[in-house]
Amino acid sequence: MNGKRVKLVLAALLGLAGAGCNTGGISLNNYTCTGYCNGEPMPILIMQAPDHLTACTEYLEYCRGTGICLSCT
């Protein structure tokens, strides 16, 4: 690569690295989730997620079978 092309690649990489730091990322909140797994009550878990729907989805990943998320508040 010539010097000009190397400088462009380095500038692009530095720009991408800086962009990741400045965005702040996704804010996670704690949600207390309850539900059932295979008809049995699941343990109450505190899930960190950006919203209650995502928290419920992650909560159900602990169930091996059919799960129902009652609430994540």
N, C-alpha and C. Protein backbone atom coordinates (compact mmCIF):
# COMPACT_ATOMS: atom_id res chain seq x y z
N MET A 1 0.84 -1.19 0.00
CA MET A 1 0.00 0.00 0.00
C MET A 1 0.88 1.24 0.00
N ASN A 2 0.43 2.27 -0.68
CA ASN A 2 1.19 3.51 -0.66
C ASN A 2 0.85 4.31 0.59
N GLY A 3 1.61 5.36 0.87
CA GLY A 3 1.44 6.13 2.10
C GLY A 3 0.07 6.77 2.24
N LYS A 4 -0.50 7.24 1.13
CA LYS A 4 -1.81 7.90 1.18
C LYS A 4 -2.90 6.91 1.58
N ARG A 5 -2.83 5.71 0.99
CA ARG A 5 -3.84 4.68 1.28
C ARG A 5 -3.74 4.22 2.74
N VAL A 6 -2.51 4.09 3.26
CA VAL A 6 -2.31 3.69 4.65
C VAL A 6 -2.93 4.73 5.58
N LYS A 7 -2.73 6.00 5.30
CA LYS A 7 -3.29 7.06 6.13
C LYS A 7 -4.82 7.03 6.12
N LEU A 8 -5.42 6.74 4.95
CA LEU A 8 -6.88 6.66 4.87
C LEU A 8 -7.42 5.49 5.69
N VAL A 9 -6.75 4.35 5.62
CA VAL A 9 -7.17 3.17 6.38
C VAL A 9 -7.06 3.45 7.88
N LEU A 10 -5.96 4.04 8.30
CA LEU A 10 -5.79 4.36 9.73
C LEU A 10 -6.84 5.36 10.21
N ALA A 11 -7.13 6.36 9.40
CA ALA A 11 -8.14 7.34 9.78
C ALA A 11 -9.51 6.69 9.92
N ALA A 12 -9.84 5.77 9.00
CA ALA A 12 -11.13 5.08 9.07
C ALA A 12 -11.21 4.22 10.33
N LEU A 13 -10.14 3.50 10.65
CA LEU A 13 -10.14 2.64 11.84
C LEU A 13 -10.26 3.46 13.11
N LEU A 14 -9.54 4.57 13.19
CA LEU A 14 -9.64 5.43 14.37
C LEU A 14 -11.03 6.04 14.50
N GLY A 15 -11.64 6.38 13.38
CA GLY A 15 -12.99 6.92 13.39
C GLY A 15 -14.00 5.92 13.92
N LEU A 16 -13.85 4.66 13.50
CA LEU A 16 -14.77 3.62 13.98
C LEU A 16 -14.57 3.36 15.47
N ALA A 17 -13.33 3.32 15.91
CA ALA A 17 -13.06 3.08 17.34
C ALA A 17 -13.63 4.21 18.18
N GLY A 18 -13.47 5.44 17.73
CA GLY A 18 -14.00 6.58 18.47
C GLY A 18 -15.51 6.60 18.50
N ALA A 19 -16.13 6.17 17.40
CA ALA A 19 -17.59 6.18 17.33
C ALA A 19 -18.19 5.24 18.36
N GLY A 20 -17.55 4.09 18.59
CA GLY A 20 -18.06 3.14 19.57
C GLY A 20 -18.02 3.68 20.98
N CYS A 21 -17.01 4.52 21.27
CA CYS A 21 -16.88 5.06 22.62
C CYS A 21 -17.86 6.21 22.86
N ASN A 22 -18.18 6.96 21.84
CA ASN A 22 -18.99 8.15 22.01
C ASN A 22 -20.49 7.88 22.04
N THR A 23 -20.92 6.72 21.57
CA THR A 23 -22.36 6.45 21.48
C THR A 23 -22.97 6.16 22.84
N GLY A 24 -22.18 5.68 23.79
CA GLY A 24 -22.71 5.40 25.11
C GLY A 24 -23.35 4.02 25.22
N GLY A 25 -23.64 3.36 24.12
CA GLY A 25 -24.19 2.01 24.15
C GLY A 25 -25.65 1.97 24.57
N ILE A 26 -26.15 0.76 24.78
CA ILE A 26 -27.54 0.56 25.18
C ILE A 26 -27.62 0.58 26.69
N SER A 27 -28.55 1.32 27.23
CA SER A 27 -28.74 1.39 28.67
C SER A 27 -29.50 0.16 29.15
N LEU A 28 -28.95 -0.53 30.15
CA LEU A 28 -29.60 -1.72 30.70
C LEU A 28 -30.22 -1.39 32.05
N ASN A 29 -31.41 -1.93 32.26
CA ASN A 29 -32.12 -1.76 33.52
C ASN A 29 -32.31 -3.12 34.15
N ASN A 30 -32.54 -3.15 35.45
CA ASN A 30 -32.84 -4.40 36.15
C ASN A 30 -34.34 -4.63 36.14
N TYR A 31 -34.74 -5.84 35.73
CA TYR A 31 -36.15 -6.23 35.73
C TYR A 31 -36.30 -7.50 36.56
N THR A 32 -37.29 -7.51 37.45
CA THR A 32 -37.60 -8.69 38.24
C THR A 32 -38.63 -9.49 37.47
N CYS A 33 -38.26 -10.71 37.07
CA CYS A 33 -39.11 -11.52 36.18
C CYS A 33 -39.67 -12.74 36.90
N THR A 34 -40.93 -13.04 36.57
CA THR A 34 -41.59 -14.23 37.10
C THR A 34 -42.25 -14.97 35.94
N GLY A 35 -42.47 -16.27 36.12
CA GLY A 35 -43.13 -17.04 35.08
C GLY A 35 -43.19 -18.51 35.42
N TYR A 36 -43.54 -19.30 34.41
CA TYR A 36 -43.67 -20.74 34.55
C TYR A 36 -42.85 -21.45 33.49
N CYS A 37 -42.30 -22.60 33.86
CA CYS A 37 -41.57 -23.45 32.92
C CYS A 37 -42.15 -24.85 33.02
N ASN A 38 -42.68 -25.36 31.91
CA ASN A 38 -43.31 -26.68 31.88
C ASN A 38 -44.36 -26.83 32.97
N GLY A 39 -45.12 -25.76 33.21
CA GLY A 39 -46.21 -25.80 34.18
C GLY A 39 -45.79 -25.56 35.62
N GLU A 40 -44.49 -25.47 35.88
CA GLU A 40 -43.98 -25.25 37.24
C GLU A 40 -43.50 -23.81 37.37
N PRO A 41 -43.69 -23.21 38.55
CA PRO A 41 -43.20 -21.84 38.73
C PRO A 41 -41.69 -21.76 38.56
N MET A 42 -41.25 -20.79 37.78
CA MET A 42 -39.83 -20.55 37.63
C MET A 42 -39.34 -19.69 38.78
N PRO A 43 -38.07 -19.79 39.14
CA PRO A 43 -37.55 -18.90 40.19
C PRO A 43 -37.59 -17.45 39.73
N ILE A 44 -37.80 -16.56 40.66
CA ILE A 44 -37.77 -15.13 40.34
C ILE A 44 -36.32 -14.76 40.05
N LEU A 45 -36.09 -14.13 38.89
CA LEU A 45 -34.75 -13.72 38.50
C LEU A 45 -34.73 -12.24 38.19
N ILE A 46 -33.61 -11.62 38.46
CA ILE A 46 -33.42 -10.23 38.06
C ILE A 46 -32.62 -10.25 36.77
N MET A 47 -33.21 -9.70 35.71
CA MET A 47 -32.59 -9.68 34.39
C MET A 47 -32.19 -8.26 34.05
N GLN A 48 -31.03 -8.11 33.43
CA GLN A 48 -30.61 -6.81 32.93
C GLN A 48 -30.91 -6.76 31.44
N ALA A 49 -31.71 -5.76 31.05
CA ALA A 49 -32.11 -5.64 29.65
C ALA A 49 -32.51 -4.20 29.37
N PRO A 50 -32.56 -3.82 28.09
CA PRO A 50 -32.96 -2.45 27.75
C PRO A 50 -34.44 -2.19 27.95
N ASP A 51 -35.29 -3.23 27.93
CA ASP A 51 -36.74 -3.06 28.12
C ASP A 51 -37.32 -4.35 28.68
N HIS A 52 -38.60 -4.27 29.13
CA HIS A 52 -39.20 -5.43 29.79
C HIS A 52 -39.44 -6.60 28.84
N LEU A 53 -39.70 -6.34 27.56
CA LEU A 53 -39.91 -7.43 26.60
C LEU A 53 -38.63 -8.23 26.38
N THR A 54 -37.52 -7.53 26.28
CA THR A 54 -36.23 -8.22 26.13
C THR A 54 -35.91 -9.00 27.39
N ALA A 55 -36.22 -8.43 28.55
CA ALA A 55 -35.99 -9.12 29.81
C ALA A 55 -36.78 -10.43 29.86
N CYS A 56 -38.04 -10.39 29.42
CA CYS A 56 -38.87 -11.60 29.41
C CYS A 56 -38.28 -12.64 28.46
N THR A 57 -37.83 -12.20 27.30
CA THR A 57 -37.24 -13.13 26.33
C THR A 57 -36.02 -13.81 26.92
N GLU A 58 -35.15 -13.04 27.56
CA GLU A 58 -33.95 -13.61 28.16
C GLU A 58 -34.29 -14.52 29.34
N TYR A 59 -35.31 -14.14 30.09
CA TYR A 59 -35.76 -14.95 31.23
C TYR A 59 -36.20 -16.33 30.76
N LEU A 60 -36.93 -16.37 29.66
CA LEU A 60 -37.43 -17.64 29.15
C LEU A 60 -36.33 -18.54 28.61
N GLU A 61 -35.16 -17.99 28.33
CA GLU A 61 -34.05 -18.81 27.86
C GLU A 61 -33.58 -19.78 28.94
N TYR A 62 -33.93 -19.52 30.20
CA TYR A 62 -33.56 -20.43 31.29
C TYR A 62 -34.46 -21.66 31.33
N CYS A 63 -35.57 -21.61 30.63
CA CYS A 63 -36.52 -22.74 30.62
C CYS A 63 -36.15 -23.73 29.53
N ARG A 64 -36.04 -24.98 29.90
CA ARG A 64 -35.83 -26.03 28.91
C ARG A 64 -37.18 -26.67 28.64
N GLY A 65 -37.87 -26.15 27.66
CA GLY A 65 -39.22 -26.63 27.35
C GLY A 65 -40.13 -25.47 27.05
N THR A 66 -41.38 -25.57 27.53
CA THR A 66 -42.36 -24.52 27.30
C THR A 66 -42.39 -23.57 28.47
N GLY A 67 -42.12 -22.30 28.18
CA GLY A 67 -42.08 -21.31 29.24
C GLY A 67 -43.05 -20.17 29.00
N ILE A 68 -43.50 -19.58 30.10
CA ILE A 68 -44.39 -18.40 30.04
C ILE A 68 -43.79 -17.34 30.96
N CYS A 69 -43.57 -16.16 30.41
CA CYS A 69 -43.12 -15.04 31.23
C CYS A 69 -44.35 -14.27 31.68
N LEU A 70 -44.60 -14.24 32.98
CA LEU A 70 -45.77 -13.52 33.48
C LEU A 70 -45.52 -12.02 33.51
N SER A 71 -44.38 -11.62 34.05
CA SER A 71 -44.07 -10.20 34.10
C SER A 71 -42.59 -9.97 34.34
N CYS A 72 -42.11 -8.84 33.84
CA CYS A 72 -40.77 -8.35 34.12
C CYS A 72 -40.93 -6.87 34.41
N THR A 73 -40.83 -6.53 35.68
CA THR A 73 -41.03 -5.14 36.07
C THR A 73 -39.81 -4.61 36.80
